Amino acid sequence: MWEKLRSYFKGYPAQEKVAHLMLVHGLRVRDGRVFAGPVEVSDTAMARAASVDRRVVTATVKTIESNAELLKIFERLAPVCHLGEVAPLMGWGAIEIIPTSASKPGILSGVATAIAEAGISIRQVIVDDPEVFDDPHAFIVTEQPVPERLLPRIRSVEGVKSVVLH
């Protein structure tokens, strides 16, 4: 996905950086402005986050809005509430799956099956898109902490390189 979108910013590396930041964080474009859900994100804040001048953010938004194909994508993005960091505070479990190859089918299914067979419900799954993230991982938040005895079973799932308990 990102490779396809990246081509629209060819020759404009700073705009590419801003667009990638927007994609990664689910920031959408509407009426010449950038939003995280219903919250407007200032050009200055975006520029600071991307380490570019704020005029680059304005130019990136104009580039997106001037291209129907880009706009179709960027006007539909949405941020996601990632519960991985707060899970331990809530008494839930959180595990991070590092794959051997993120595009290999069946990894999530195998891990979810192992968790379900242990009688643990899954609250949330967030999987990084291998075309957007350089080092994609999967994060699984469970209703209760995942017992250490389950780790060998999860590690044995084909395509799992390693597992990190949070």
N, C-alpha and C. Protein backbone atom coordinates (compact mmCIF):
# COMPACT_ATOMS: atom_id res chain seq x y z
N MET A 1 0.82 -1.19 0.00
CA MET A 1 0.00 0.00 0.00
C MET A 1 0.87 1.26 0.00
N TRP A 2 1.81 1.33 0.94
CA TRP A 2 2.63 2.54 1.02
C TRP A 2 3.44 2.75 -0.25
N GLU A 3 3.94 1.67 -0.84
CA GLU A 3 4.73 1.83 -2.07
C GLU A 3 3.90 2.48 -3.16
N LYS A 4 2.63 2.13 -3.25
CA LYS A 4 1.75 2.73 -4.25
C LYS A 4 1.53 4.22 -3.94
N LEU A 5 1.28 4.53 -2.67
CA LEU A 5 1.04 5.92 -2.28
C LEU A 5 2.31 6.76 -2.38
N ARG A 6 3.43 6.17 -2.06
CA ARG A 6 4.72 6.87 -2.07
C ARG A 6 5.01 7.48 -3.44
N SER A 7 4.59 6.80 -4.50
CA SER A 7 4.89 7.28 -5.85
C SER A 7 4.29 8.66 -6.12
N TYR A 8 3.21 9.03 -5.45
CA TYR A 8 2.58 10.33 -5.65
C TYR A 8 3.44 11.47 -5.09
N PHE A 9 4.38 11.13 -4.23
CA PHE A 9 5.22 12.14 -3.59
C PHE A 9 6.66 12.09 -4.11
N LYS A 10 6.85 11.39 -5.23
CA LYS A 10 8.19 11.24 -5.82
C LYS A 10 8.77 12.63 -6.08
N GLY A 11 10.00 12.82 -5.65
CA GLY A 11 10.66 14.11 -5.83
C GLY A 11 10.39 15.09 -4.70
N TYR A 12 9.53 14.70 -3.75
CA TYR A 12 9.19 15.56 -2.61
C TYR A 12 9.35 14.75 -1.32
N PRO A 13 10.58 14.49 -0.91
CA PRO A 13 10.81 13.62 0.25
C PRO A 13 10.19 14.14 1.55
N ALA A 14 10.12 15.45 1.72
CA ALA A 14 9.52 15.99 2.94
C ALA A 14 8.01 15.72 2.94
N GLN A 15 7.36 15.88 1.79
CA GLN A 15 5.92 15.57 1.70
C GLN A 15 5.70 14.08 1.92
N GLU A 16 6.59 13.26 1.39
CA GLU A 16 6.48 11.82 1.58
C GLU A 16 6.54 11.47 3.07
N LYS A 17 7.42 12.14 3.79
CA LYS A 17 7.57 11.93 5.23
C LYS A 17 6.27 12.28 5.97
N VAL A 18 5.66 13.41 5.59
CA VAL A 18 4.40 13.84 6.22
C VAL A 18 3.28 12.87 5.89
N ALA A 19 3.17 12.47 4.63
CA ALA A 19 2.11 11.54 4.23
C ALA A 19 2.26 10.20 4.94
N HIS A 20 3.49 9.72 5.09
CA HIS A 20 3.72 8.45 5.78
C HIS A 20 3.32 8.58 7.25
N LEU A 21 3.66 9.68 7.88
CA LEU A 21 3.27 9.93 9.27
C LEU A 21 1.74 9.91 9.41
N MET A 22 1.06 10.55 8.46
CA MET A 22 -0.40 10.58 8.48
C MET A 22 -0.98 9.17 8.34
N LEU A 23 -0.40 8.38 7.45
CA LEU A 23 -0.88 7.02 7.23
C LEU A 23 -0.67 6.16 8.48
N VAL A 24 0.52 6.22 9.04
CA VAL A 24 0.85 5.41 10.22
C VAL A 24 -0.07 5.72 11.40
N HIS A 25 -0.43 6.99 11.56
CA HIS A 25 -1.24 7.39 12.72
C HIS A 25 -2.72 7.55 12.40
N GLY A 26 -3.12 7.21 11.18
CA GLY A 26 -4.54 7.27 10.83
C GLY A 26 -5.09 8.68 10.79
N LEU A 27 -4.27 9.63 10.35
CA LEU A 27 -4.72 11.02 10.28
C LEU A 27 -5.33 11.28 8.91
N ARG A 28 -6.52 11.85 8.93
CA ARG A 28 -7.24 12.03 7.67
C ARG A 28 -7.22 13.48 7.21
N VAL A 29 -7.54 13.68 5.95
CA VAL A 29 -7.58 15.00 5.35
C VAL A 29 -9.03 15.34 5.03
N ARG A 30 -9.42 16.56 5.42
CA ARG A 30 -10.76 17.05 5.07
C ARG A 30 -10.72 18.58 5.01
N ASP A 31 -11.21 19.14 3.93
CA ASP A 31 -11.29 20.59 3.76
C ASP A 31 -9.97 21.30 4.01
N GLY A 32 -8.89 20.72 3.51
CA GLY A 32 -7.59 21.37 3.63
C GLY A 32 -6.95 21.27 5.00
N ARG A 33 -7.50 20.44 5.85
CA ARG A 33 -6.98 20.31 7.21
C ARG A 33 -6.75 18.84 7.55
N VAL A 34 -5.99 18.58 8.59
CA VAL A 34 -5.66 17.23 9.04
C VAL A 34 -6.39 16.97 10.35
N PHE A 35 -6.96 15.76 10.47
CA PHE A 35 -7.72 15.40 11.66
C PHE A 35 -7.31 14.04 12.20
N ALA A 36 -7.35 13.93 13.52
CA ALA A 36 -7.25 12.65 14.23
C ALA A 36 -8.65 12.42 14.77
N GLY A 37 -9.44 11.61 14.06
CA GLY A 37 -10.86 11.51 14.42
C GLY A 37 -11.49 12.88 14.19
N PRO A 38 -12.23 13.41 15.20
CA PRO A 38 -12.84 14.73 15.04
C PRO A 38 -11.92 15.88 15.47
N VAL A 39 -10.71 15.57 15.93
CA VAL A 39 -9.80 16.58 16.47
C VAL A 39 -8.87 17.08 15.37
N GLU A 40 -8.90 18.38 15.15
CA GLU A 40 -8.00 18.96 14.14
C GLU A 40 -6.57 18.98 14.68
N VAL A 41 -5.65 18.60 13.81
CA VAL A 41 -4.23 18.61 14.13
C VAL A 41 -3.60 19.79 13.39
N SER A 42 -2.96 20.67 14.11
CA SER A 42 -2.39 21.87 13.48
C SER A 42 -1.22 21.51 12.57
N ASP A 43 -1.02 22.35 11.57
CA ASP A 43 0.12 22.16 10.67
C ASP A 43 1.43 22.21 11.45
N THR A 44 1.48 23.08 12.45
CA THR A 44 2.70 23.21 13.26
C THR A 44 2.99 21.93 14.02
N ALA A 45 1.96 21.33 14.62
CA ALA A 45 2.15 20.08 15.36
C ALA A 45 2.58 18.96 14.42
N MET A 46 1.96 18.89 13.25
CA MET A 46 2.33 17.87 12.25
C MET A 46 3.78 18.08 11.80
N ALA A 47 4.14 19.33 11.55
CA ALA A 47 5.49 19.64 11.09
C ALA A 47 6.53 19.24 12.15
N ARG A 48 6.22 19.53 13.40
CA ARG A 48 7.13 19.17 14.49
C ARG A 48 7.30 17.65 14.55
N ALA A 49 6.21 16.93 14.43
CA ALA A 49 6.26 15.46 14.50
C ALA A 49 7.04 14.86 13.32
N ALA A 50 6.95 15.50 12.17
CA ALA A 50 7.63 14.98 10.97
C ALA A 50 9.01 15.61 10.76
N SER A 51 9.37 16.56 11.62
CA SER A 51 10.65 17.29 11.50
C SER A 51 10.77 17.98 10.13
N VAL A 52 9.70 18.69 9.77
CA VAL A 52 9.68 19.46 8.52
C VAL A 52 9.10 20.84 8.83
N ASP A 53 9.18 21.74 7.87
CA ASP A 53 8.58 23.07 7.98
C ASP A 53 7.06 22.91 7.84
N ARG A 54 6.31 23.77 8.51
CA ARG A 54 4.84 23.65 8.46
C ARG A 54 4.28 23.84 7.05
N ARG A 55 5.00 24.57 6.21
CA ARG A 55 4.55 24.76 4.82
C ARG A 55 4.57 23.45 4.05
N VAL A 56 5.42 22.51 4.48
CA VAL A 56 5.46 21.19 3.85
C VAL A 56 4.16 20.44 4.15
N VAL A 57 3.65 20.61 5.36
CA VAL A 57 2.38 19.97 5.73
C VAL A 57 1.27 20.52 4.85
N THR A 58 1.23 21.84 4.69
CA THR A 58 0.21 22.47 3.83
C THR A 58 0.32 21.95 2.40
N ALA A 59 1.55 21.86 1.89
CA ALA A 59 1.76 21.36 0.53
C ALA A 59 1.35 19.90 0.40
N THR A 60 1.61 19.10 1.43
CA THR A 60 1.23 17.68 1.40
C THR A 60 -0.29 17.54 1.34
N VAL A 61 -0.98 18.31 2.15
CA VAL A 61 -2.45 18.27 2.14
C VAL A 61 -2.97 18.69 0.77
N LYS A 62 -2.37 19.71 0.17
CA LYS A 62 -2.79 20.14 -1.18
C LYS A 62 -2.54 19.04 -2.20
N THR A 63 -1.40 18.36 -2.10
CA THR A 63 -1.08 17.26 -3.00
C THR A 63 -2.13 16.17 -2.87
N ILE A 64 -2.49 15.84 -1.65
CA ILE A 64 -3.50 14.80 -1.40
C ILE A 64 -4.85 15.21 -1.96
N GLU A 65 -5.25 16.44 -1.69
CA GLU A 65 -6.57 16.89 -2.13
C GLU A 65 -6.66 17.10 -3.65
N SER A 66 -5.54 17.29 -4.30
CA SER A 66 -5.57 17.50 -5.75
C SER A 66 -5.57 16.19 -6.53
N ASN A 67 -5.47 15.06 -5.83
CA ASN A 67 -5.46 13.77 -6.49
C ASN A 67 -6.60 12.92 -5.95
N ALA A 68 -7.56 12.61 -6.79
CA ALA A 68 -8.76 11.88 -6.35
C ALA A 68 -8.42 10.53 -5.71
N GLU A 69 -7.44 9.83 -6.29
CA GLU A 69 -7.09 8.51 -5.75
C GLU A 69 -6.49 8.63 -4.34
N LEU A 70 -5.59 9.60 -4.15
CA LEU A 70 -5.01 9.83 -2.83
C LEU A 70 -6.08 10.27 -1.83
N LEU A 71 -6.92 11.20 -2.26
CA LEU A 71 -7.95 11.72 -1.36
C LEU A 71 -8.90 10.63 -0.90
N LYS A 72 -9.26 9.70 -1.79
CA LYS A 72 -10.14 8.59 -1.41
C LYS A 72 -9.58 7.83 -0.21
N ILE A 73 -8.28 7.70 -0.16
CA ILE A 73 -7.64 6.96 0.93
C ILE A 73 -7.51 7.85 2.16
N PHE A 74 -6.92 9.03 1.99
CA PHE A 74 -6.62 9.88 3.14
C PHE A 74 -7.85 10.50 3.81
N GLU A 75 -8.98 10.55 3.12
CA GLU A 75 -10.18 11.08 3.78
C GLU A 75 -10.91 10.01 4.60
N ARG A 76 -10.44 8.77 4.51
CA ARG A 76 -11.10 7.67 5.24
C ARG A 76 -10.26 7.10 6.39
N LEU A 77 -9.07 7.61 6.59
CA LEU A 77 -8.22 7.08 7.65
C LEU A 77 -8.80 7.41 9.02
N ALA A 78 -8.50 6.57 10.00
CA ALA A 78 -8.97 6.80 11.37
C ALA A 78 -7.92 6.29 12.35
N PRO A 79 -7.69 7.04 13.43
CA PRO A 79 -6.76 6.57 14.45
C PRO A 79 -7.39 5.42 15.24
N VAL A 80 -6.56 4.60 15.84
CA VAL A 80 -7.05 3.44 16.60
C VAL A 80 -6.54 3.52 18.03
N CYS A 81 -7.41 3.20 18.96
CA CYS A 81 -7.02 3.15 20.37
C CYS A 81 -6.25 1.85 20.60
N HIS A 82 -4.96 1.96 20.86
CA HIS A 82 -4.09 0.80 21.07
C HIS A 82 -3.97 0.56 22.58
N LEU A 83 -4.52 -0.55 23.05
CA LEU A 83 -4.57 -0.83 24.49
C LEU A 83 -3.33 -1.54 25.04
N GLY A 84 -2.36 -1.83 24.19
CA GLY A 84 -1.19 -2.61 24.61
C GLY A 84 -0.46 -2.06 25.82
N GLU A 85 -0.24 -0.77 25.87
CA GLU A 85 0.52 -0.17 26.98
C GLU A 85 -0.29 -0.07 28.27
N VAL A 86 -1.61 0.03 28.16
CA VAL A 86 -2.43 0.16 29.37
C VAL A 86 -2.93 -1.18 29.89
N ALA A 87 -2.78 -2.22 29.10
CA ALA A 87 -3.29 -3.54 29.49
C ALA A 87 -2.81 -3.98 30.87
N PRO A 88 -1.52 -3.91 31.17
CA PRO A 88 -1.08 -4.34 32.51
C PRO A 88 -1.71 -3.51 33.64
N LEU A 89 -1.96 -2.23 33.38
CA LEU A 89 -2.58 -1.37 34.39
C LEU A 89 -4.02 -1.76 34.67
N MET A 90 -4.66 -2.40 33.69
CA MET A 90 -6.06 -2.80 33.81
C MET A 90 -6.21 -4.25 34.27
N GLY A 91 -5.09 -4.94 34.48
CA GLY A 91 -5.15 -6.35 34.87
C GLY A 91 -5.32 -7.28 33.68
N TRP A 92 -5.13 -6.76 32.48
CA TRP A 92 -5.25 -7.56 31.27
C TRP A 92 -3.87 -8.08 30.88
N GLY A 93 -3.86 -8.92 29.88
CA GLY A 93 -2.59 -9.39 29.33
C GLY A 93 -2.28 -8.66 28.05
N ALA A 94 -1.02 -8.60 27.72
CA ALA A 94 -0.60 -8.01 26.44
C ALA A 94 0.63 -8.76 25.97
N ILE A 95 0.54 -9.28 24.76
CA ILE A 95 1.69 -9.95 24.17
C ILE A 95 1.97 -9.34 22.80
N GLU A 96 3.23 -9.34 22.46
CA GLU A 96 3.68 -8.83 21.18
C GLU A 96 4.25 -10.02 20.41
N ILE A 97 3.78 -10.19 19.20
CA ILE A 97 4.24 -11.27 18.34
C ILE A 97 5.17 -10.69 17.29
N ILE A 98 6.37 -11.22 17.25
CA ILE A 98 7.33 -10.81 16.22
C ILE A 98 7.39 -11.95 15.22
N PRO A 99 6.97 -11.68 13.98
CA PRO A 99 6.90 -12.75 12.98
C PRO A 99 8.22 -12.97 12.25
N THR A 100 8.36 -14.15 11.69
CA THR A 100 9.50 -14.40 10.81
C THR A 100 9.26 -13.65 9.50
N SER A 101 8.01 -13.64 9.05
CA SER A 101 7.60 -12.89 7.86
C SER A 101 6.16 -12.47 8.09
N ALA A 102 5.92 -11.17 8.18
CA ALA A 102 4.59 -10.66 8.51
C ALA A 102 3.54 -10.98 7.46
N SER A 103 3.94 -11.30 6.26
CA SER A 103 2.95 -11.61 5.22
C SER A 103 2.60 -13.09 5.17
N LYS A 104 3.18 -13.88 6.06
CA LYS A 104 2.89 -15.32 6.11
C LYS A 104 1.49 -15.53 6.68
N PRO A 105 0.62 -16.24 5.97
CA PRO A 105 -0.73 -16.47 6.48
C PRO A 105 -0.75 -17.46 7.65
N GLY A 106 -1.70 -17.26 8.55
CA GLY A 106 -1.94 -18.22 9.62
C GLY A 106 -1.31 -17.91 10.96
N ILE A 107 -0.44 -16.91 11.03
CA ILE A 107 0.22 -16.60 12.30
C ILE A 107 -0.82 -16.17 13.34
N LEU A 108 -1.62 -15.20 13.00
CA LEU A 108 -2.62 -14.70 13.94
C LEU A 108 -3.61 -15.79 14.33
N SER A 109 -4.02 -16.57 13.37
CA SER A 109 -4.95 -17.67 13.63
C SER A 109 -4.37 -18.67 14.62
N GLY A 110 -3.11 -19.04 14.42
CA GLY A 110 -2.47 -20.00 15.30
C GLY A 110 -2.31 -19.48 16.72
N VAL A 111 -1.92 -18.21 16.84
CA VAL A 111 -1.74 -17.61 18.16
C VAL A 111 -3.10 -17.46 18.85
N ALA A 112 -4.09 -17.00 18.13
CA ALA A 112 -5.43 -16.83 18.70
C ALA A 112 -6.01 -18.18 19.15
N THR A 113 -5.76 -19.22 18.40
CA THR A 113 -6.23 -20.56 18.78
C THR A 113 -5.57 -21.01 20.07
N ALA A 114 -4.27 -20.80 20.20
CA ALA A 114 -3.56 -21.19 21.42
C ALA A 114 -4.12 -20.44 22.63
N ILE A 115 -4.40 -19.16 22.47
CA ILE A 115 -4.95 -18.35 23.56
C ILE A 115 -6.36 -18.82 23.90
N ALA A 116 -7.18 -19.05 22.89
CA ALA A 116 -8.56 -19.48 23.11
C ALA A 116 -8.62 -20.85 23.79
N GLU A 117 -7.75 -21.77 23.37
CA GLU A 117 -7.74 -23.10 23.97
C GLU A 117 -7.29 -23.06 25.43
N ALA A 118 -6.63 -21.99 25.83
CA ALA A 118 -6.25 -21.81 27.25
C ALA A 118 -7.39 -21.16 28.03
N GLY A 119 -8.51 -20.89 27.34
CA GLY A 119 -9.68 -20.32 28.01
C GLY A 119 -9.57 -18.82 28.25
N ILE A 120 -8.76 -18.14 27.47
CA ILE A 120 -8.56 -16.69 27.63
C ILE A 120 -9.20 -15.96 26.46
N SER A 121 -10.00 -14.93 26.78
CA SER A 121 -10.63 -14.11 25.73
C SER A 121 -9.67 -13.03 25.25
N ILE A 122 -9.80 -12.72 23.98
CA ILE A 122 -9.00 -11.65 23.38
C ILE A 122 -9.85 -10.38 23.33
N ARG A 123 -9.28 -9.27 23.85
CA ARG A 123 -9.95 -7.97 23.84
C ARG A 123 -9.66 -7.20 22.56
N GLN A 124 -8.41 -7.27 22.12
CA GLN A 124 -8.00 -6.46 20.98
C GLN A 124 -6.81 -7.11 20.28
N VAL A 125 -6.78 -6.96 18.97
CA VAL A 125 -5.63 -7.38 18.17
C VAL A 125 -5.29 -6.21 17.25
N ILE A 126 -4.03 -5.83 17.27
CA ILE A 126 -3.55 -4.80 16.35
C ILE A 126 -2.35 -5.38 15.63
N VAL A 127 -2.43 -5.38 14.31
CA VAL A 127 -1.37 -5.95 13.50
C VAL A 127 -0.83 -4.85 12.59
N ASP A 128 0.47 -4.62 12.64
CA ASP A 128 1.10 -3.63 11.78
C ASP A 128 1.08 -4.13 10.34
N ASP A 129 0.77 -3.25 9.42
CA ASP A 129 0.78 -3.59 8.00
C ASP A 129 2.23 -3.68 7.53
N PRO A 130 2.63 -4.82 6.96
CA PRO A 130 4.02 -4.96 6.53
C PRO A 130 4.43 -4.01 5.41
N GLU A 131 3.47 -3.41 4.73
CA GLU A 131 3.80 -2.44 3.68
C GLU A 131 3.93 -1.03 4.22
N VAL A 132 3.51 -0.82 5.46
CA VAL A 132 3.59 0.52 6.06
C VAL A 132 4.71 0.59 7.09
N PHE A 133 4.91 -0.49 7.83
CA PHE A 133 5.91 -0.52 8.90
C PHE A 133 7.12 -1.35 8.47
N ASP A 134 8.31 -0.85 8.80
CA ASP A 134 9.54 -1.58 8.46
C ASP A 134 9.68 -2.87 9.24
N ASP A 135 9.25 -2.87 10.50
CA ASP A 135 9.40 -4.02 11.38
C ASP A 135 8.03 -4.33 12.01
N PRO A 136 7.11 -4.90 11.22
CA PRO A 136 5.75 -5.10 11.72
C PRO A 136 5.64 -6.17 12.81
N HIS A 137 4.79 -5.88 13.79
CA HIS A 137 4.51 -6.80 14.89
C HIS A 137 3.00 -6.91 15.04
N ALA A 138 2.57 -7.89 15.81
CA ALA A 138 1.16 -8.01 16.18
C ALA A 138 1.09 -7.83 17.69
N PHE A 139 0.07 -7.12 18.15
CA PHE A 139 -0.14 -6.92 19.58
C PHE A 139 -1.50 -7.49 19.93
N ILE A 140 -1.51 -8.36 20.93
CA ILE A 140 -2.76 -9.00 21.35
C ILE A 140 -3.00 -8.66 22.81
N VAL A 141 -4.15 -8.08 23.08
CA VAL A 141 -4.55 -7.74 24.45
C VAL A 141 -5.62 -8.74 24.86
N THR A 142 -5.39 -9.36 26.01
CA THR A 142 -6.29 -10.41 26.49
C THR A 142 -6.97 -9.99 27.79
N GLU A 143 -8.09 -10.64 28.09
CA GLU A 143 -8.87 -10.32 29.30
C GLU A 143 -8.10 -10.55 30.59
N GLN A 144 -7.13 -11.42 30.54
CA GLN A 144 -6.30 -11.71 31.71
C GLN A 144 -4.88 -11.93 31.23
N PRO A 145 -3.91 -11.79 32.12
CA PRO A 145 -2.53 -12.01 31.68
C PRO A 145 -2.35 -13.42 31.10
N VAL A 146 -1.54 -13.50 30.07
CA VAL A 146 -1.24 -14.78 29.43
C VAL A 146 -0.20 -15.49 30.32
N PRO A 147 -0.52 -16.69 30.79
CA PRO A 147 0.44 -17.40 31.65
C PRO A 147 1.70 -17.80 30.88
N GLU A 148 2.82 -17.75 31.58
CA GLU A 148 4.11 -18.08 30.94
C GLU A 148 4.12 -19.49 30.36
N ARG A 149 3.34 -20.39 30.95
CA ARG A 149 3.30 -21.77 30.45
C ARG A 149 2.77 -21.85 29.02
N LEU A 150 2.06 -20.81 28.58
CA LEU A 150 1.48 -20.78 27.24
C LEU A 150 2.49 -20.29 26.19
N LEU A 151 3.56 -19.66 26.63
CA LEU A 151 4.52 -19.09 25.68
C LEU A 151 5.16 -20.10 24.75
N PRO A 152 5.58 -21.29 25.22
CA PRO A 152 6.15 -22.26 24.27
C PRO A 152 5.15 -22.64 23.17
N ARG A 153 3.89 -22.75 23.54
CA ARG A 153 2.86 -23.09 22.54
C ARG A 153 2.72 -21.99 21.50
N ILE A 154 2.72 -20.74 21.96
CA ILE A 154 2.61 -19.60 21.03
C ILE A 154 3.86 -19.52 20.16
N ARG A 155 5.03 -19.71 20.75
CA ARG A 155 6.28 -19.67 19.98
C ARG A 155 6.35 -20.77 18.93
N SER A 156 5.64 -21.87 19.16
CA SER A 156 5.68 -22.98 18.22
C SER A 156 4.78 -22.77 17.00
N VAL A 157 3.97 -21.73 17.02
CA VAL A 157 3.12 -21.43 15.86
C VAL A 157 4.02 -21.08 14.68
N GLU A 158 3.77 -21.71 13.55
CA GLU A 158 4.59 -21.47 12.37
C GLU A 158 4.53 -19.99 11.98
N GLY A 159 5.71 -19.40 11.83
CA GLY A 159 5.79 -17.98 11.45
C GLY A 159 6.07 -17.06 12.62
N VAL A 160 6.03 -17.59 13.86
CA VAL A 160 6.34 -16.76 15.04
C VAL A 160 7.83 -16.85 15.31
N LYS A 161 8.48 -15.70 15.26
CA LYS A 161 9.91 -15.62 15.55
C LYS A 161 10.14 -15.52 17.05
N SER A 162 9.38 -14.62 17.70
CA SER A 162 9.48 -14.49 19.15
C SER A 162 8.23 -13.83 19.72
N VAL A 163 8.10 -13.94 21.04
CA VAL A 163 6.94 -13.42 21.76
C VAL A 163 7.45 -12.58 22.92
N VAL A 164 6.84 -11.41 23.12
CA VAL A 164 7.21 -10.54 24.23
C VAL A 164 5.96 -10.32 25.08
N LEU A 165 6.09 -10.63 26.37
CA LEU A 165 5.00 -10.34 27.31
C LEU A 165 5.15 -8.90 27.80
N HIS A 166 4.04 -8.19 27.87
CA HIS A 166 4.07 -6.80 28.38
C HIS A 166 3.35 -6.74 29.71
